[in-house]
Amino acid sequence: MKKVYYLKTCSTCARILKELNLSSEFILQDIKSEPITVKQVEEMEALAGSYEALFSKRAKLYKEMDLKNQNLADRDYKHYILDHYTFLSRPVILVDNKIFVGNSKKVVEAAKSALS
């Protein structure tokens, strides 16, 4: 499967998508207009190893809800990701059975390598 979960209004996601120069085989899913499903987040978790690995601790709501001072379990991370798109670390790039989560240079470079 070749898929990208991203946020259309995010300039960082747009830059990364342009940088990766994805082929038409890729399915792009804007997580704001087409929310991720339970099945999709479970598939991502299976590849990433945990829901925490998919969770964005940089999200504005993370700070507003004071989640950093709470003891969150993996099921909590799943709940928040499904509850609001902003909690998914973006973009999430799936290439066959590999997953690349987030926008760090290291992750983007690894995704590029997997695409070449």
N, C-alpha and C. Protein backbone atom coordinates (compact mmCIF):
# COMPACT_ATOMS: atom_id res chain seq x y z
N MET A 1 0.84 -1.18 0.00
CA MET A 1 0.00 0.00 0.00
C MET A 1 0.88 1.24 0.00
N LYS A 2 0.48 2.22 -0.77
CA LYS A 2 1.20 3.49 -0.82
C LYS A 2 0.20 4.58 -0.48
N LYS A 3 0.38 5.17 0.70
CA LYS A 3 -0.60 6.14 1.16
C LYS A 3 0.07 7.19 2.03
N VAL A 4 -0.50 8.39 2.01
CA VAL A 4 -0.01 9.48 2.86
C VAL A 4 -1.20 10.08 3.59
N TYR A 5 -1.07 10.14 4.90
CA TYR A 5 -2.05 10.85 5.73
C TYR A 5 -1.41 12.20 6.02
N TYR A 6 -2.10 13.26 5.65
CA TYR A 6 -1.52 14.58 5.78
C TYR A 6 -2.62 15.60 6.06
N LEU A 7 -2.20 16.83 6.27
CA LEU A 7 -3.14 17.92 6.47
C LEU A 7 -2.93 18.90 5.33
N LYS A 8 -3.97 19.10 4.54
CA LYS A 8 -3.90 19.94 3.34
C LYS A 8 -3.46 21.37 3.66
N THR A 9 -3.87 21.88 4.81
CA THR A 9 -3.57 23.26 5.17
C THR A 9 -2.20 23.42 5.84
N CYS A 10 -1.47 22.34 5.99
CA CYS A 10 -0.16 22.38 6.65
C CYS A 10 0.94 22.62 5.61
N SER A 11 1.64 23.73 5.75
CA SER A 11 2.69 24.07 4.78
C SER A 11 3.85 23.07 4.85
N THR A 12 4.13 22.53 6.02
CA THR A 12 5.20 21.54 6.15
C THR A 12 4.84 20.27 5.39
N CYS A 13 3.58 19.81 5.54
CA CYS A 13 3.13 18.63 4.79
C CYS A 13 3.24 18.88 3.28
N ALA A 14 2.81 20.05 2.84
CA ALA A 14 2.86 20.39 1.41
C ALA A 14 4.30 20.37 0.91
N ARG A 15 5.20 20.94 1.69
CA ARG A 15 6.62 20.97 1.31
C ARG A 15 7.18 19.55 1.19
N ILE A 16 6.86 18.72 2.16
CA ILE A 16 7.37 17.34 2.16
C ILE A 16 6.80 16.55 0.98
N LEU A 17 5.51 16.70 0.72
CA LEU A 17 4.89 16.00 -0.41
C LEU A 17 5.56 16.41 -1.73
N LYS A 18 5.84 17.71 -1.85
CA LYS A 18 6.49 18.22 -3.06
C LYS A 18 7.92 17.65 -3.16
N GLU A 19 8.61 17.63 -2.03
CA GLU A 19 9.98 17.14 -1.98
C GLU A 19 10.06 15.65 -2.35
N LEU A 20 9.06 14.88 -1.91
CA LEU A 20 9.06 13.45 -2.18
C LEU A 20 8.66 13.12 -3.61
N ASN A 21 7.97 14.06 -4.26
CA ASN A 21 7.58 13.87 -5.66
C ASN A 21 6.91 12.50 -5.85
N LEU A 22 5.82 12.30 -5.14
CA LEU A 22 5.14 11.00 -5.10
C LEU A 22 4.49 10.65 -6.44
N SER A 23 4.50 9.37 -6.74
CA SER A 23 3.88 8.90 -7.98
C SER A 23 2.35 8.87 -7.82
N SER A 24 1.69 8.65 -8.91
CA SER A 24 0.23 8.62 -8.90
C SER A 24 -0.32 7.38 -8.19
N GLU A 25 0.56 6.42 -7.85
CA GLU A 25 0.14 5.23 -7.11
C GLU A 25 -0.27 5.58 -5.68
N PHE A 26 0.21 6.70 -5.19
CA PHE A 26 -0.05 7.08 -3.80
C PHE A 26 -1.47 7.62 -3.62
N ILE A 27 -2.08 7.19 -2.54
CA ILE A 27 -3.39 7.71 -2.14
C ILE A 27 -3.10 8.77 -1.08
N LEU A 28 -3.61 9.97 -1.31
CA LEU A 28 -3.43 11.06 -0.36
C LEU A 28 -4.73 11.25 0.42
N GLN A 29 -4.63 11.24 1.74
CA GLN A 29 -5.82 11.43 2.56
C GLN A 29 -5.63 12.64 3.47
N ASP A 30 -6.42 13.68 3.21
CA ASP A 30 -6.42 14.87 4.06
C ASP A 30 -7.21 14.51 5.31
N ILE A 31 -6.53 14.41 6.44
CA ILE A 31 -7.16 13.90 7.66
C ILE A 31 -8.17 14.87 8.28
N LYS A 32 -8.20 16.09 7.79
CA LYS A 32 -9.21 17.03 8.30
C LYS A 32 -10.54 16.83 7.56
N SER A 33 -10.49 16.70 6.25
CA SER A 33 -11.72 16.53 5.49
C SER A 33 -12.18 15.07 5.43
N GLU A 34 -11.24 14.15 5.60
CA GLU A 34 -11.55 12.71 5.61
C GLU A 34 -10.87 12.08 6.83
N PRO A 35 -11.54 12.16 8.00
CA PRO A 35 -10.93 11.67 9.24
C PRO A 35 -10.47 10.21 9.15
N ILE A 36 -9.40 9.90 9.88
CA ILE A 36 -8.90 8.53 9.88
C ILE A 36 -9.87 7.64 10.66
N THR A 37 -9.93 6.40 10.24
CA THR A 37 -10.84 5.44 10.86
C THR A 37 -10.08 4.62 11.92
N VAL A 38 -10.84 3.89 12.71
CA VAL A 38 -10.24 3.01 13.72
C VAL A 38 -9.33 2.00 13.02
N LYS A 39 -9.82 1.43 11.92
CA LYS A 39 -9.03 0.43 11.19
C LYS A 39 -7.72 1.05 10.68
N GLN A 40 -7.78 2.26 10.15
CA GLN A 40 -6.57 2.90 9.63
C GLN A 40 -5.55 3.16 10.73
N VAL A 41 -6.01 3.67 11.87
CA VAL A 41 -5.06 3.98 12.95
C VAL A 41 -4.49 2.68 13.53
N GLU A 42 -5.27 1.62 13.53
CA GLU A 42 -4.76 0.33 14.01
C GLU A 42 -3.72 -0.23 13.05
N GLU A 43 -3.91 -0.03 11.73
CA GLU A 43 -2.91 -0.46 10.75
C GLU A 43 -1.61 0.33 10.93
N MET A 44 -1.75 1.64 11.17
CA MET A 44 -0.56 2.48 11.39
C MET A 44 0.17 2.03 12.65
N GLU A 45 -0.58 1.76 13.70
CA GLU A 45 0.02 1.35 14.98
C GLU A 45 0.78 0.03 14.82
N ALA A 46 0.23 -0.89 14.04
CA ALA A 46 0.88 -2.18 13.83
C ALA A 46 2.26 -1.99 13.19
N LEU A 47 2.38 -1.01 12.31
CA LEU A 47 3.67 -0.74 11.65
C LEU A 47 4.59 0.11 12.52
N ALA A 48 4.00 1.06 13.26
CA ALA A 48 4.81 1.98 14.06
C ALA A 48 5.23 1.37 15.40
N GLY A 49 4.47 0.40 15.89
CA GLY A 49 4.82 -0.23 17.15
C GLY A 49 4.05 0.27 18.36
N SER A 50 3.50 1.47 18.26
CA SER A 50 2.69 2.01 19.37
C SER A 50 1.89 3.20 18.87
N TYR A 51 0.84 3.53 19.63
CA TYR A 51 0.06 4.72 19.28
C TYR A 51 0.85 5.97 19.66
N GLU A 52 1.67 5.85 20.68
CA GLU A 52 2.47 7.00 21.09
C GLU A 52 3.41 7.44 19.97
N ALA A 53 3.90 6.49 19.19
CA ALA A 53 4.79 6.81 18.06
C ALA A 53 4.07 7.63 16.99
N LEU A 54 2.75 7.54 16.95
CA LEU A 54 1.94 8.27 15.96
C LEU A 54 1.44 9.61 16.51
N PHE A 55 1.63 9.81 17.80
CA PHE A 55 1.03 10.94 18.50
C PHE A 55 1.93 12.18 18.45
N SER A 56 1.32 13.32 18.19
CA SER A 56 2.07 14.57 18.14
C SER A 56 1.98 15.29 19.48
N LYS A 57 3.12 15.38 20.14
CA LYS A 57 3.18 16.11 21.42
C LYS A 57 3.43 17.59 21.17
N ARG A 58 3.47 17.97 19.90
CA ARG A 58 3.64 19.38 19.55
C ARG A 58 2.30 20.04 19.24
N ALA A 59 1.23 19.25 19.26
CA ALA A 59 -0.09 19.78 18.95
C ALA A 59 -0.51 20.83 19.99
N LYS A 60 -1.15 21.86 19.49
CA LYS A 60 -1.63 22.95 20.36
C LYS A 60 -2.56 22.40 21.45
N LEU A 61 -3.44 21.50 21.06
CA LEU A 61 -4.38 20.91 22.03
C LEU A 61 -3.67 20.11 23.12
N TYR A 62 -2.52 19.55 22.80
CA TYR A 62 -1.75 18.79 23.79
C TYR A 62 -1.40 19.69 24.97
N LYS A 63 -0.98 20.90 24.64
CA LYS A 63 -0.63 21.87 25.69
C LYS A 63 -1.89 22.41 26.37
N GLU A 64 -2.90 22.75 25.57
CA GLU A 64 -4.13 23.31 26.11
C GLU A 64 -4.84 22.35 27.07
N MET A 65 -4.79 21.06 26.76
CA MET A 65 -5.46 20.06 27.59
C MET A 65 -4.57 19.57 28.72
N ASP A 66 -3.35 20.12 28.79
CA ASP A 66 -2.37 19.76 29.82
C ASP A 66 -2.10 18.25 29.85
N LEU A 67 -2.03 17.65 28.68
CA LEU A 67 -1.83 16.20 28.60
C LEU A 67 -0.43 15.77 29.03
N LYS A 68 0.54 16.69 28.94
CA LYS A 68 1.90 16.31 29.32
C LYS A 68 2.01 15.99 30.81
N ASN A 69 1.08 16.48 31.59
CA ASN A 69 1.10 16.21 33.04
C ASN A 69 0.19 15.05 33.42
N GLN A 70 -0.28 14.32 32.41
CA GLN A 70 -1.11 13.15 32.68
C GLN A 70 -0.34 11.90 32.27
N ASN A 71 -0.65 10.82 32.95
CA ASN A 71 0.00 9.55 32.65
C ASN A 71 -0.82 8.84 31.58
N LEU A 72 -0.46 9.04 30.32
CA LEU A 72 -1.23 8.49 29.21
C LEU A 72 -0.78 7.07 28.84
N ALA A 73 -1.76 6.20 28.64
CA ALA A 73 -1.50 4.84 28.18
C ALA A 73 -1.66 4.82 26.66
N ASP A 74 -1.26 3.73 26.03
CA ASP A 74 -1.35 3.63 24.58
C ASP A 74 -2.80 3.80 24.10
N ARG A 75 -3.76 3.26 24.85
CA ARG A 75 -5.17 3.41 24.46
C ARG A 75 -5.61 4.87 24.51
N ASP A 76 -5.00 5.67 25.41
CA ASP A 76 -5.32 7.10 25.47
C ASP A 76 -4.82 7.81 24.22
N TYR A 77 -3.60 7.46 23.80
CA TYR A 77 -3.06 8.06 22.57
C TYR A 77 -3.97 7.74 21.39
N LYS A 78 -4.42 6.48 21.31
CA LYS A 78 -5.33 6.07 20.23
C LYS A 78 -6.60 6.90 20.28
N HIS A 79 -7.17 7.05 21.47
CA HIS A 79 -8.40 7.81 21.64
C HIS A 79 -8.23 9.25 21.14
N TYR A 80 -7.16 9.91 21.56
CA TYR A 80 -6.94 11.29 21.17
C TYR A 80 -6.69 11.44 19.66
N ILE A 81 -5.95 10.50 19.08
CA ILE A 81 -5.70 10.55 17.63
C ILE A 81 -7.01 10.43 16.87
N LEU A 82 -7.87 9.54 17.31
CA LEU A 82 -9.17 9.37 16.64
C LEU A 82 -10.12 10.52 16.93
N ASP A 83 -9.96 11.13 18.09
CA ASP A 83 -10.84 12.21 18.51
C ASP A 83 -10.58 13.51 17.74
N HIS A 84 -9.31 13.80 17.47
CA HIS A 84 -8.99 15.06 16.79
C HIS A 84 -7.74 14.89 15.91
N TYR A 85 -7.87 15.26 14.65
CA TYR A 85 -6.80 15.05 13.67
C TYR A 85 -5.47 15.69 14.07
N THR A 86 -5.52 16.75 14.86
CA THR A 86 -4.29 17.46 15.22
C THR A 86 -3.32 16.60 16.04
N PHE A 87 -3.82 15.53 16.66
CA PHE A 87 -2.96 14.68 17.48
C PHE A 87 -2.15 13.67 16.67
N LEU A 88 -2.44 13.52 15.38
CA LEU A 88 -1.64 12.62 14.56
C LEU A 88 -0.40 13.36 14.08
N SER A 89 0.75 12.80 14.35
CA SER A 89 2.00 13.39 13.88
C SER A 89 2.01 13.28 12.36
N ARG A 90 2.21 14.41 11.69
CA ARG A 90 2.06 14.43 10.23
C ARG A 90 3.36 14.80 9.54
N PRO A 91 3.46 14.35 8.29
CA PRO A 91 2.63 13.38 7.60
C PRO A 91 2.96 11.95 8.03
N VAL A 92 2.06 11.03 7.74
CA VAL A 92 2.32 9.61 7.93
C VAL A 92 2.37 9.02 6.53
N ILE A 93 3.52 8.47 6.19
CA ILE A 93 3.73 7.94 4.85
C ILE A 93 3.86 6.42 4.94
N LEU A 94 3.01 5.73 4.20
CA LEU A 94 3.05 4.27 4.16
C LEU A 94 3.57 3.85 2.79
N VAL A 95 4.63 3.06 2.81
CA VAL A 95 5.20 2.52 1.57
C VAL A 95 5.33 1.02 1.78
N ASP A 96 4.42 0.28 1.16
CA ASP A 96 4.35 -1.17 1.33
C ASP A 96 4.20 -1.48 2.83
N ASN A 97 5.15 -2.14 3.45
CA ASN A 97 5.04 -2.44 4.88
C ASN A 97 5.94 -1.57 5.74
N LYS A 98 6.27 -0.39 5.25
CA LYS A 98 7.09 0.55 6.02
C LYS A 98 6.26 1.78 6.34
N ILE A 99 6.55 2.38 7.50
CA ILE A 99 5.83 3.59 7.90
C ILE A 99 6.85 4.66 8.26
N PHE A 100 6.54 5.89 7.87
CA PHE A 100 7.38 7.04 8.17
C PHE A 100 6.47 8.08 8.80
N VAL A 101 6.74 8.41 10.06
CA VAL A 101 5.85 9.28 10.82
C VAL A 101 6.55 10.58 11.17
N GLY A 102 5.92 11.69 10.80
CA GLY A 102 6.42 12.99 11.21
C GLY A 102 7.21 13.69 10.12
N ASN A 103 7.77 14.84 10.50
CA ASN A 103 8.40 15.70 9.52
C ASN A 103 9.87 15.99 9.79
N SER A 104 10.49 15.18 10.64
CA SER A 104 11.91 15.41 10.90
C SER A 104 12.72 15.09 9.64
N LYS A 105 13.87 15.72 9.52
CA LYS A 105 14.72 15.50 8.34
C LYS A 105 15.05 14.02 8.19
N LYS A 106 15.35 13.37 9.31
CA LYS A 106 15.72 11.96 9.30
C LYS A 106 14.59 11.11 8.72
N VAL A 107 13.36 11.37 9.13
CA VAL A 107 12.20 10.61 8.66
C VAL A 107 11.96 10.87 7.16
N VAL A 108 12.05 12.13 6.75
CA VAL A 108 11.84 12.48 5.34
C VAL A 108 12.91 11.82 4.48
N GLU A 109 14.15 11.83 4.92
CA GLU A 109 15.25 11.20 4.16
C GLU A 109 15.03 9.70 4.06
N ALA A 110 14.57 9.07 5.15
CA ALA A 110 14.30 7.63 5.14
C ALA A 110 13.17 7.31 4.14
N ALA A 111 12.16 8.16 4.12
CA ALA A 111 11.04 7.97 3.18
C ALA A 111 11.54 8.11 1.75
N LYS A 112 12.39 9.09 1.50
CA LYS A 112 12.96 9.28 0.16
C LYS A 112 13.72 8.04 -0.28
N SER A 113 14.52 7.49 0.63
CA SER A 113 15.30 6.29 0.32
C SER A 113 14.38 5.12 -0.02
N ALA A 114 13.28 4.99 0.71
CA ALA A 114 12.35 3.89 0.46
C ALA A 114 11.65 4.03 -0.89
N LEU A 115 11.55 5.27 -1.36
CA LEU A 115 10.86 5.53 -2.63
C LEU A 115 11.78 5.36 -3.84
N SER A 116 13.11 5.37 -3.59
CA SER A 116 14.00 5.27 -4.75
C SER A 116 14.39 3.85 -5.07
